Amino acid sequence: MKEFNFTVSDPDGIHARPAGLLVKAAKAYTSNITVFAGDKNADMKKLLALMALGIKQGQSIIVKVEGEDEDAAAEAVEKFLKETF
């Protein structure tokens, strides 16, 4: 299992259009990718669940990746988050 922390710097937080691209990027991998925000969590491959977390600017999240391609998936997701949010 891979795990990393990320703090959202985008003024709009994790919002619809880039969140859709994030979900698309996550779906490219077979590993399970889960986002933890406070006491809530969501499957990163489900847009509505991800949006329901209501992640705002300055909020820290934890991303856990588990599966056969977890190394590549964690690297790609972390890169996407840093470049987008």
PDB file of N, CA and C in Angstrom:
ATOM      1  N   MET A   1       0.834  -1.183   0.000  1.00  0.00           N
ATOM      2  CA  MET A   1       0.000   0.000   0.000  1.00  0.00           C
ATOM      3  C   MET A   1       0.883   1.252   0.000  1.00  0.00           C
ATOM      4  N   LYS A   2       0.502   2.217  -0.819  1.00  0.00           N
ATOM      5  CA  LYS A   2       1.169   3.514  -0.877  1.00  0.00           C
ATOM      6  C   LYS A   2       0.230   4.545  -0.264  1.00  0.00           C
ATOM      7  N   GLU A   3       0.829   5.544   0.385  1.00  0.00           N
ATOM      8  CA  GLU A   3       0.027   6.584   1.010  1.00  0.00           C
ATOM      9  C   GLU A   3       0.797   7.897   0.956  1.00  0.00           C
ATOM     10  N   PHE A   4       0.084   8.990   0.694  1.00  0.00           N
ATOM     11  CA  PHE A   4       0.721  10.299   0.740  1.00  0.00           C
ATOM     12  C   PHE A   4      -0.283  11.354   1.177  1.00  0.00           C
ATOM     13  N   ASN A   5       0.244  12.440   1.727  1.00  0.00           N
ATOM     14  CA  ASN A   5      -0.570  13.584   2.142  1.00  0.00           C
ATOM     15  C   ASN A   5      -0.456  14.666   1.087  1.00  0.00           C
ATOM     16  N   PHE A   6      -1.520  15.448   0.954  1.00  0.00           N
ATOM     17  CA  PHE A   6      -1.529  16.561   0.013  1.00  0.00           C
ATOM     18  C   PHE A   6      -2.389  17.675   0.582  1.00  0.00           C
ATOM     19  N   THR A   7      -1.911  18.911   0.487  1.00  0.00           N
ATOM     20  CA  THR A   7      -2.688  20.068   0.919  1.00  0.00           C
ATOM     21  C   THR A   7      -3.143  20.833  -0.316  1.00  0.00           C
ATOM     22  N   VAL A   8      -4.431  21.041  -0.420  1.00  0.00           N
ATOM     23  CA  VAL A   8      -5.020  21.694  -1.585  1.00  0.00           C
ATOM     24  C   VAL A   8      -4.729  23.194  -1.540  1.00  0.00           C
ATOM     25  N   SER A   9      -4.150  23.723  -2.615  1.00  0.00           N
ATOM     26  CA  SER A   9      -3.824  25.150  -2.668  1.00  0.00           C
ATOM     27  C   SER A   9      -4.725  25.915  -3.633  1.00  0.00           C
ATOM     28  N   ASP A  10      -5.494  25.217  -4.458  1.00  0.00           N
ATOM     29  CA  ASP A  10      -6.394  25.877  -5.404  1.00  0.00           C
ATOM     30  C   ASP A  10      -7.447  26.677  -4.630  1.00  0.00           C
ATOM     31  N   PRO A  11      -7.675  27.950  -4.991  1.00  0.00           N
ATOM     32  CA  PRO A  11      -8.656  28.777  -4.279  1.00  0.00           C
ATOM     33  C   PRO A  11     -10.073  28.194  -4.283  1.00  0.00           C
ATOM     34  N   ASP A  12     -10.388  27.394  -5.298  1.00  0.00           N
ATOM     35  CA  ASP A  12     -11.715  26.782  -5.393  1.00  0.00           C
ATOM     36  C   ASP A  12     -11.763  25.387  -4.780  1.00  0.00           C
ATOM     37  N   GLY A  13     -10.665  24.921  -4.218  1.00  0.00           N
ATOM     38  CA  GLY A  13     -10.629  23.563  -3.671  1.00  0.00           C
ATOM     39  C   GLY A  13     -10.652  22.545  -4.801  1.00  0.00           C
ATOM     40  N   ILE A  14     -11.141  21.366  -4.508  1.00  0.00           N
ATOM     41  CA  ILE A  14     -11.284  20.343  -5.556  1.00  0.00           C
ATOM     42  C   ILE A  14     -12.679  20.526  -6.137  1.00  0.00           C
ATOM     43  N   HIS A  15     -12.726  21.101  -7.345  1.00  0.00           N
ATOM     44  CA  HIS A  15     -13.993  21.452  -7.968  1.00  0.00           C
ATOM     45  C   HIS A  15     -14.228  20.645  -9.240  1.00  0.00           C
ATOM     46  N   ALA A  16     -15.413  20.760  -9.790  1.00  0.00           N
ATOM     47  CA  ALA A  16     -15.952  19.851 -10.804  1.00  0.00           C
ATOM     48  C   ALA A  16     -15.057  19.508 -11.994  1.00  0.00           C
ATOM     49  N   ARG A  17     -14.660  20.485 -12.787  1.00  0.00           N
ATOM     50  CA  ARG A  17     -13.949  20.160 -14.027  1.00  0.00           C
ATOM     51  C   ARG A  17     -12.625  19.437 -13.765  1.00  0.00           C
ATOM     52  N   PRO A  18     -11.732  19.986 -12.932  1.00  0.00           N
ATOM     53  CA  PRO A  18     -10.487  19.254 -12.688  1.00  0.00           C
ATOM     54  C   PRO A  18     -10.699  17.958 -11.900  1.00  0.00           C
ATOM     55  N   ALA A  19     -11.742  17.912 -11.088  1.00  0.00           N
ATOM     56  CA  ALA A  19     -12.035  16.666 -10.364  1.00  0.00           C
ATOM     57  C   ALA A  19     -12.406  15.563 -11.353  1.00  0.00           C
ATOM     58  N   GLY A  20     -13.118  15.934 -12.404  1.00  0.00           N
ATOM     59  CA  GLY A  20     -13.465  14.966 -13.454  1.00  0.00           C
ATOM     60  C   GLY A  20     -12.216  14.424 -14.132  1.00  0.00           C
ATOM     61  N   LEU A  21     -11.242  15.300 -14.361  1.00  0.00           N
ATOM     62  CA  LEU A  21      -9.981  14.859 -14.958  1.00  0.00           C
ATOM     63  C   LEU A  21      -9.195  13.976 -13.985  1.00  0.00           C
ATOM     64  N   LEU A  22      -9.281  14.293 -12.698  1.00  0.00           N
ATOM     65  CA  LEU A  22      -8.618  13.480 -11.686  1.00  0.00           C
ATOM     66  C   LEU A  22      -9.212  12.076 -11.647  1.00  0.00           C
ATOM     67  N   VAL A  23     -10.535  11.993 -11.707  1.00  0.00           N
ATOM     68  CA  VAL A  23     -11.214  10.691 -11.722  1.00  0.00           C
ATOM     69  C   VAL A  23     -10.794   9.903 -12.963  1.00  0.00           C
ATOM     70  N   LYS A  24     -10.730  10.575 -14.104  1.00  0.00           N
ATOM     71  CA  LYS A  24     -10.320   9.918 -15.346  1.00  0.00           C
ATOM     72  C   LYS A  24      -8.896   9.371 -15.225  1.00  0.00           C
ATOM     73  N   ALA A  25      -8.005  10.157 -14.627  1.00  0.00           N
ATOM     74  CA  ALA A  25      -6.623   9.709 -14.428  1.00  0.00           C
ATOM     75  C   ALA A  25      -6.570   8.503 -13.487  1.00  0.00           C
ATOM     76  N   ALA A  26      -7.375   8.526 -12.437  1.00  0.00           N
ATOM     77  CA  ALA A  26      -7.394   7.423 -11.467  1.00  0.00           C
ATOM     78  C   ALA A  26      -7.921   6.141 -12.095  1.00  0.00           C
ATOM     79  N   LYS A  27      -8.895   6.276 -12.987  1.00  0.00           N
ATOM     80  CA  LYS A  27      -9.496   5.097 -13.631  1.00  0.00           C
ATOM     81  C   LYS A  27      -8.536   4.378 -14.571  1.00  0.00           C
ATOM     82  N   ALA A  28      -7.418   5.012 -14.903  1.00  0.00           N
ATOM     83  CA  ALA A  28      -6.428   4.381 -15.777  1.00  0.00           C
ATOM     84  C   ALA A  28      -5.678   3.264 -15.056  1.00  0.00           C
ATOM     85  N   TYR A  29      -5.873   3.143 -13.742  1.00  0.00           N
ATOM     86  CA  TYR A  29      -5.149   2.150 -12.932  1.00  0.00           C
ATOM     87  C   TYR A  29      -6.129   1.186 -12.296  1.00  0.00           C
ATOM     88  N   THR A  30      -5.669  -0.047 -12.076  1.00  0.00           N
ATOM     89  CA  THR A  30      -6.533  -1.055 -11.465  1.00  0.00           C
ATOM     90  C   THR A  30      -6.542  -0.972  -9.947  1.00  0.00           C
ATOM     91  N   SER A  31      -5.566  -0.312  -9.363  1.00  0.00           N
ATOM     92  CA  SER A  31      -5.485  -0.191  -7.904  1.00  0.00           C
ATOM     93  C   SER A  31      -6.673   0.576  -7.341  1.00  0.00           C
ATOM     94  N   ASN A  32      -7.011   0.276  -6.093  1.00  0.00           N
ATOM     95  CA  ASN A  32      -8.019   1.040  -5.373  1.00  0.00           C
ATOM     96  C   ASN A  32      -7.361   2.320  -4.876  1.00  0.00           C
ATOM     97  N   ILE A  33      -7.994   3.452  -5.125  1.00  0.00           N
ATOM     98  CA  ILE A  33      -7.460   4.739  -4.712  1.00  0.00           C
ATOM     99  C   ILE A  33      -8.525   5.418  -3.855  1.00  0.00           C
ATOM    100  N   THR A  34      -8.188   5.647  -2.597  1.00  0.00           N
ATOM    101  CA  THR A  34      -9.140   6.221  -1.660  1.00  0.00           C
ATOM    102  C   THR A  34      -8.617   7.551  -1.130  1.00  0.00           C
ATOM    103  N   VAL A  35      -9.507   8.536  -1.071  1.00  0.00           N
ATOM    104  CA  VAL A  35      -9.177   9.860  -0.549  1.00  0.00           C
ATOM    105  C   VAL A  35      -9.819  10.007   0.820  1.00  0.00           C
ATOM    106  N   PHE A  36      -9.024  10.433   1.796  1.00  0.00           N
ATOM    107  CA  PHE A  36      -9.519  10.677   3.145  1.00  0.00           C
ATOM    108  C   PHE A  36      -9.438  12.173   3.417  1.00  0.00           C
ATOM    109  N   ALA A  37     -10.564  12.772   3.770  1.00  0.00           N
ATOM    110  CA  ALA A  37     -10.626  14.198   4.098  1.00  0.00           C
ATOM    111  C   ALA A  37     -11.374  14.330   5.420  1.00  0.00           C
ATOM    112  N   GLY A  38     -10.634  14.622   6.472  1.00  0.00           N
ATOM    113  CA  GLY A  38     -11.256  14.675   7.796  1.00  0.00           C
ATOM    114  C   GLY A  38     -11.759  13.297   8.181  1.00  0.00           C
ATOM    115  N   ASP A  39     -13.035  13.212   8.545  1.00  0.00           N
ATOM    116  CA  ASP A  39     -13.605  11.928   8.945  1.00  0.00           C
ATOM    117  C   ASP A  39     -14.365  11.246   7.809  1.00  0.00           C
ATOM    118  N   LYS A  40     -14.235  11.778   6.591  1.00  0.00           N
ATOM    119  CA  LYS A  40     -14.900  11.201   5.418  1.00  0.00           C
ATOM    120  C   LYS A  40     -13.872  10.600   4.471  1.00  0.00           C
ATOM    121  N   ASN A  41     -14.333   9.679   3.632  1.00  0.00           N
ATOM    122  CA  ASN A  41     -13.457   9.144   2.593  1.00  0.00           C
ATOM    123  C   ASN A  41     -14.292   8.815   1.364  1.00  0.00           C
ATOM    124  N   ALA A  42     -13.600   8.699   0.232  1.00  0.00           N
ATOM    125  CA  ALA A  42     -14.287   8.413  -1.032  1.00  0.00           C
ATOM    126  C   ALA A  42     -13.346   7.693  -1.983  1.00  0.00           C
ATOM    127  N   ASP A  43     -13.948   6.921  -2.875  1.00  0.00           N
ATOM    128  CA  ASP A  43     -13.223   6.268  -3.954  1.00  0.00           C
ATOM    129  C   ASP A  43     -12.887   7.349  -4.987  1.00  0.00           C
ATOM    130  N   MET A  44     -11.613   7.510  -5.298  1.00  0.00           N
ATOM    131  CA  MET A  44     -11.207   8.551  -6.233  1.00  0.00           C
ATOM    132  C   MET A  44     -11.723   8.298  -7.646  1.00  0.00           C
ATOM    133  N   LYS A  45     -12.218   7.117  -7.914  1.00  0.00           N
ATOM    134  CA  LYS A  45     -12.717   6.799  -9.247  1.00  0.00           C
ATOM    135  C   LYS A  45     -14.200   7.138  -9.405  1.00  0.00           C
ATOM    136  N   LYS A  46     -14.812   7.711  -8.362  1.00  0.00           N
ATOM    137  CA  LYS A  46     -16.235   8.071  -8.397  1.00  0.00           C
ATOM    138  C   LYS A  46     -16.366   9.584  -8.179  1.00  0.00           C
ATOM    139  N   LEU A  47     -16.706  10.298  -9.237  1.00  0.00           N
ATOM    140  CA  LEU A  47     -16.746  11.761  -9.217  1.00  0.00           C
ATOM    141  C   LEU A  47     -17.683  12.308  -8.144  1.00  0.00           C
ATOM    142  N   LEU A  48     -18.898  11.800  -8.068  1.00  0.00           N
ATOM    143  CA  LEU A  48     -19.849  12.341  -7.095  1.00  0.00           C
ATOM    144  C   LEU A  48     -19.390  12.114  -5.666  1.00  0.00           C
ATOM    145  N   ALA A  49     -18.798  10.966  -5.404  1.00  0.00           N
ATOM    146  CA  ALA A  49     -18.284  10.687  -4.059  1.00  0.00           C
ATOM    147  C   ALA A  49     -17.138  11.634  -3.729  1.00  0.00           C
ATOM    148  N   LEU A  50     -16.267  11.891  -4.704  1.00  0.00           N
ATOM    149  CA  LEU A  50     -15.141  12.804  -4.507  1.00  0.00           C
ATOM    150  C   LEU A  50     -15.644  14.231  -4.256  1.00  0.00           C
ATOM    151  N   MET A  51     -16.605  14.676  -5.029  1.00  0.00           N
ATOM    152  CA  MET A  51     -17.164  16.022  -4.865  1.00  0.00           C
ATOM    153  C   MET A  51     -17.900  16.156  -3.528  1.00  0.00           C
ATOM    154  N   ALA A  52     -18.512  15.076  -3.070  1.00  0.00           N
ATOM    155  CA  ALA A  52     -19.259  15.104  -1.803  1.00  0.00           C
ATOM    156  C   ALA A  52     -18.348  15.365  -0.600  1.00  0.00           C
ATOM    157  N   LEU A  53     -17.049  15.144  -0.764  1.00  0.00           N
ATOM    158  CA  LEU A  53     -16.121  15.413   0.336  1.00  0.00           C
ATOM    159  C   LEU A  53     -16.001  16.912   0.603  1.00  0.00           C
ATOM    160  N   GLY A  54     -16.310  17.736  -0.387  1.00  0.00           N
ATOM    161  CA  GLY A  54     -16.268  19.186  -0.224  1.00  0.00           C
ATOM    162  C   GLY A  54     -14.899  19.714   0.178  1.00  0.00           C
ATOM    163  N   ILE A  55     -13.863  19.254  -0.490  1.00  0.00           N
ATOM    164  CA  ILE A  55     -12.488  19.625  -0.133  1.00  0.00           C
ATOM    165  C   ILE A  55     -12.204  21.066  -0.545  1.00  0.00           C
ATOM    166  N   LYS A  56     -11.806  21.878   0.433  1.00  0.00           N
ATOM    167  CA  LYS A  56     -11.571  23.315   0.240  1.00  0.00           C
ATOM    168  C   LYS A  56     -10.087  23.652   0.212  1.00  0.00           C
ATOM    169  N   GLN A  57      -9.778  24.886  -0.189  1.00  0.00           N
ATOM    170  CA  GLN A  57      -8.394  25.375  -0.187  1.00  0.00           C
ATOM    171  C   GLN A  57      -7.829  25.297   1.231  1.00  0.00           C
ATOM    172  N   GLY A  58      -6.586  24.834   1.331  1.00  0.00           N
ATOM    173  CA  GLY A  58      -5.904  24.733   2.617  1.00  0.00           C
ATOM    174  C   GLY A  58      -6.157  23.438   3.362  1.00  0.00           C
ATOM    175  N   GLN A  59      -7.087  22.634   2.872  1.00  0.00           N
ATOM    176  CA  GLN A  59      -7.409  21.366   3.537  1.00  0.00           C
ATOM    177  C   GLN A  59      -6.397  20.295   3.139  1.00  0.00           C
ATOM    178  N   SER A  60      -5.984  19.503   4.118  1.00  0.00           N
ATOM    179  CA  SER A  60      -5.079  18.389   3.851  1.00  0.00           C
ATOM    180  C   SER A  60      -5.887  17.119   3.649  1.00  0.00           C
ATOM    181  N   ILE A  61      -5.467  16.347   2.679  1.00  0.00           N
ATOM    182  CA  ILE A  61      -6.103  15.059   2.416  1.00  0.00           C
ATOM    183  C   ILE A  61      -5.036  13.975   2.463  1.00  0.00           C
ATOM    184  N   ILE A  62      -5.488  12.755   2.647  1.00  0.00           N
ATOM    185  CA  ILE A  62      -4.613  11.591   2.590  1.00  0.00           C
ATOM    186  C   ILE A  62      -5.112  10.726   1.438  1.00  0.00           C
ATOM    187  N   VAL A  63      -4.195  10.290   0.601  1.00  0.00           N
ATOM    188  CA  VAL A  63      -4.545   9.411  -0.516  1.00  0.00           C
ATOM    189  C   VAL A  63      -3.872   8.070  -0.279  1.00  0.00           C
ATOM    190  N   LYS A  64      -4.676   7.006  -0.282  1.00  0.00           N
ATOM    191  CA  LYS A  64      -4.153   5.653  -0.114  1.00  0.00           C
ATOM    192  C   LYS A  64      -4.400   4.875  -1.397  1.00  0.00           C
ATOM    193  N   VAL A  65      -3.361   4.210  -1.861  1.00  0.00           N
ATOM    194  CA  VAL A  65      -3.417   3.454  -3.107  1.00  0.00           C
ATOM    195  C   VAL A  65      -3.007   2.015  -2.805  1.00  0.00           C
ATOM    196  N   GLU A  66      -3.851   1.081  -3.228  1.00  0.00           N
ATOM    197  CA  GLU A  66      -3.556  -0.320  -2.954  1.00  0.00           C
ATOM    198  C   GLU A  66      -3.940  -1.175  -4.153  1.00  0.00           C
ATOM    199  N   GLY A  67      -2.986  -1.962  -4.643  1.00  0.00           N
ATOM    200  CA  GLY A  67      -3.251  -2.833  -5.775  1.00  0.00           C
ATOM    201  C   GLY A  67      -1.981  -3.171  -6.524  1.00  0.00           C
ATOM    202  N   GLU A  68      -2.150  -3.882  -7.617  1.00  0.00           N
ATOM    203  CA  GLU A  68      -0.980  -4.390  -8.343  1.00  0.00           C
ATOM    204  C   GLU A  68      -0.172  -3.304  -9.045  1.00  0.00           C
ATOM    205  N   ASP A  69      -0.805  -2.169  -9.379  1.00  0.00           N
ATOM    206  CA  ASP A  69      -0.060  -1.086 -10.020  1.00  0.00           C
ATOM    207  C   ASP A  69      -0.002   0.149  -9.116  1.00  0.00           C
ATOM    208  N   GLU A  70       0.056  -0.085  -7.795  1.00  0.00           N
ATOM    209  CA  GLU A  70      -0.013   1.012  -6.823  1.00  0.00           C
ATOM    210  C   GLU A  70       1.124   2.023  -6.941  1.00  0.00           C
ATOM    211  N   ASP A  71       2.322   1.575  -7.282  1.00  0.00           N
ATOM    212  CA  ASP A  71       3.445   2.507  -7.401  1.00  0.00           C
ATOM    213  C   ASP A  71       3.175   3.540  -8.501  1.00  0.00           C
ATOM    214  N   ALA A  72       2.817   3.054  -9.672  1.00  0.00           N
ATOM    215  CA  ALA A  72       2.554   3.946 -10.804  1.00  0.00           C
ATOM    216  C   ALA A  72       1.323   4.806 -10.545  1.00  0.00           C
ATOM    217  N   ALA A  73       0.290   4.215  -9.960  1.00  0.00           N
ATOM    218  CA  ALA A  73      -0.937   4.955  -9.688  1.00  0.00           C
ATOM    219  C   ALA A  73      -0.693   6.072  -8.686  1.00  0.00           C
ATOM    220  N   ALA A  74       0.005   5.774  -7.602  1.00  0.00           N
ATOM    221  CA  ALA A  74       0.289   6.785  -6.578  1.00  0.00           C
ATOM    222  C   ALA A  74       1.117   7.924  -7.161  1.00  0.00           C
ATOM    223  N   GLU A  75       2.106   7.587  -7.956  1.00  0.00           N
ATOM    224  CA  GLU A  75       2.964   8.601  -8.570  1.00  0.00           C
ATOM    225  C   GLU A  75       2.162   9.503  -9.505  1.00  0.00           C
ATOM    226  N   ALA A  76       1.308   8.902 -10.327  1.00  0.00           N
ATOM    227  CA  ALA A  76       0.519   9.668 -11.298  1.00  0.00           C
ATOM    228  C   ALA A  76      -0.503  10.572 -10.599  1.00  0.00           C
ATOM    229  N   VAL A  77      -1.171  10.038  -9.594  1.00  0.00           N
ATOM    230  CA  VAL A  77      -2.184  10.818  -8.876  1.00  0.00           C
ATOM    231  C   VAL A  77      -1.530  11.973  -8.113  1.00  0.00           C
ATOM    232  N   GLU A  78      -0.414  11.699  -7.459  1.00  0.00           N
ATOM    233  CA  GLU A  78       0.266  12.752  -6.715  1.00  0.00           C
ATOM    234  C   GLU A  78       0.745  13.856  -7.661  1.00  0.00           C
ATOM    235  N   LYS A  79       1.274  13.485  -8.811  1.00  0.00           N
ATOM    236  CA  LYS A  79       1.728  14.454  -9.807  1.00  0.00           C
ATOM    237  C   LYS A  79       0.552  15.287 -10.291  1.00  0.00           C
ATOM    238  N   PHE A  80      -0.575  14.646 -10.586  1.00  0.00           N
ATOM    239  CA  PHE A  80      -1.762  15.362 -11.047  1.00  0.00           C
ATOM    240  C   PHE A  80      -2.235  16.354  -9.996  1.00  0.00           C
ATOM    241  N   LEU A  81      -2.301  15.932  -8.736  1.00  0.00           N
ATOM    242  CA  LEU A  81      -2.751  16.821  -7.668  1.00  0.00           C
ATOM    243  C   LEU A  81      -1.840  18.036  -7.547  1.00  0.00           C
ATOM    244  N   LYS A  82      -0.529  17.813  -7.589  1.00  0.00           N
ATOM    245  CA  LYS A  82       0.431  18.921  -7.452  1.00  0.00           C
ATOM    246  C   LYS A  82       0.319  19.904  -8.613  1.00  0.00           C
ATOM    247  N   GLU A  83       0.091  19.406  -9.814  1.00  0.00           N
ATOM    248  CA  GLU A  83       0.017  20.267 -10.979  1.00  0.00           C
ATOM    249  C   GLU A  83      -1.326  20.994 -11.108  1.00  0.00           C
ATOM    250  N   THR A  84      -2.382  20.415 -10.526  1.00  0.00           N
ATOM    251  CA  THR A  84      -3.734  20.928 -10.747  1.00  0.00           C
ATOM    252  C   THR A  84      -4.324  21.656  -9.545  1.00  0.00           C
ATOM    253  N   PHE A  85      -4.086  21.125  -8.364  1.00  0.00           N
ATOM    254  CA  PHE A  85      -4.726  21.682  -7.169  1.00  0.00           C
ATOM    255  C   PHE A  85      -3.724  22.308  -6.227  1.00  0.00           C
TER     256      PHE A  85
END
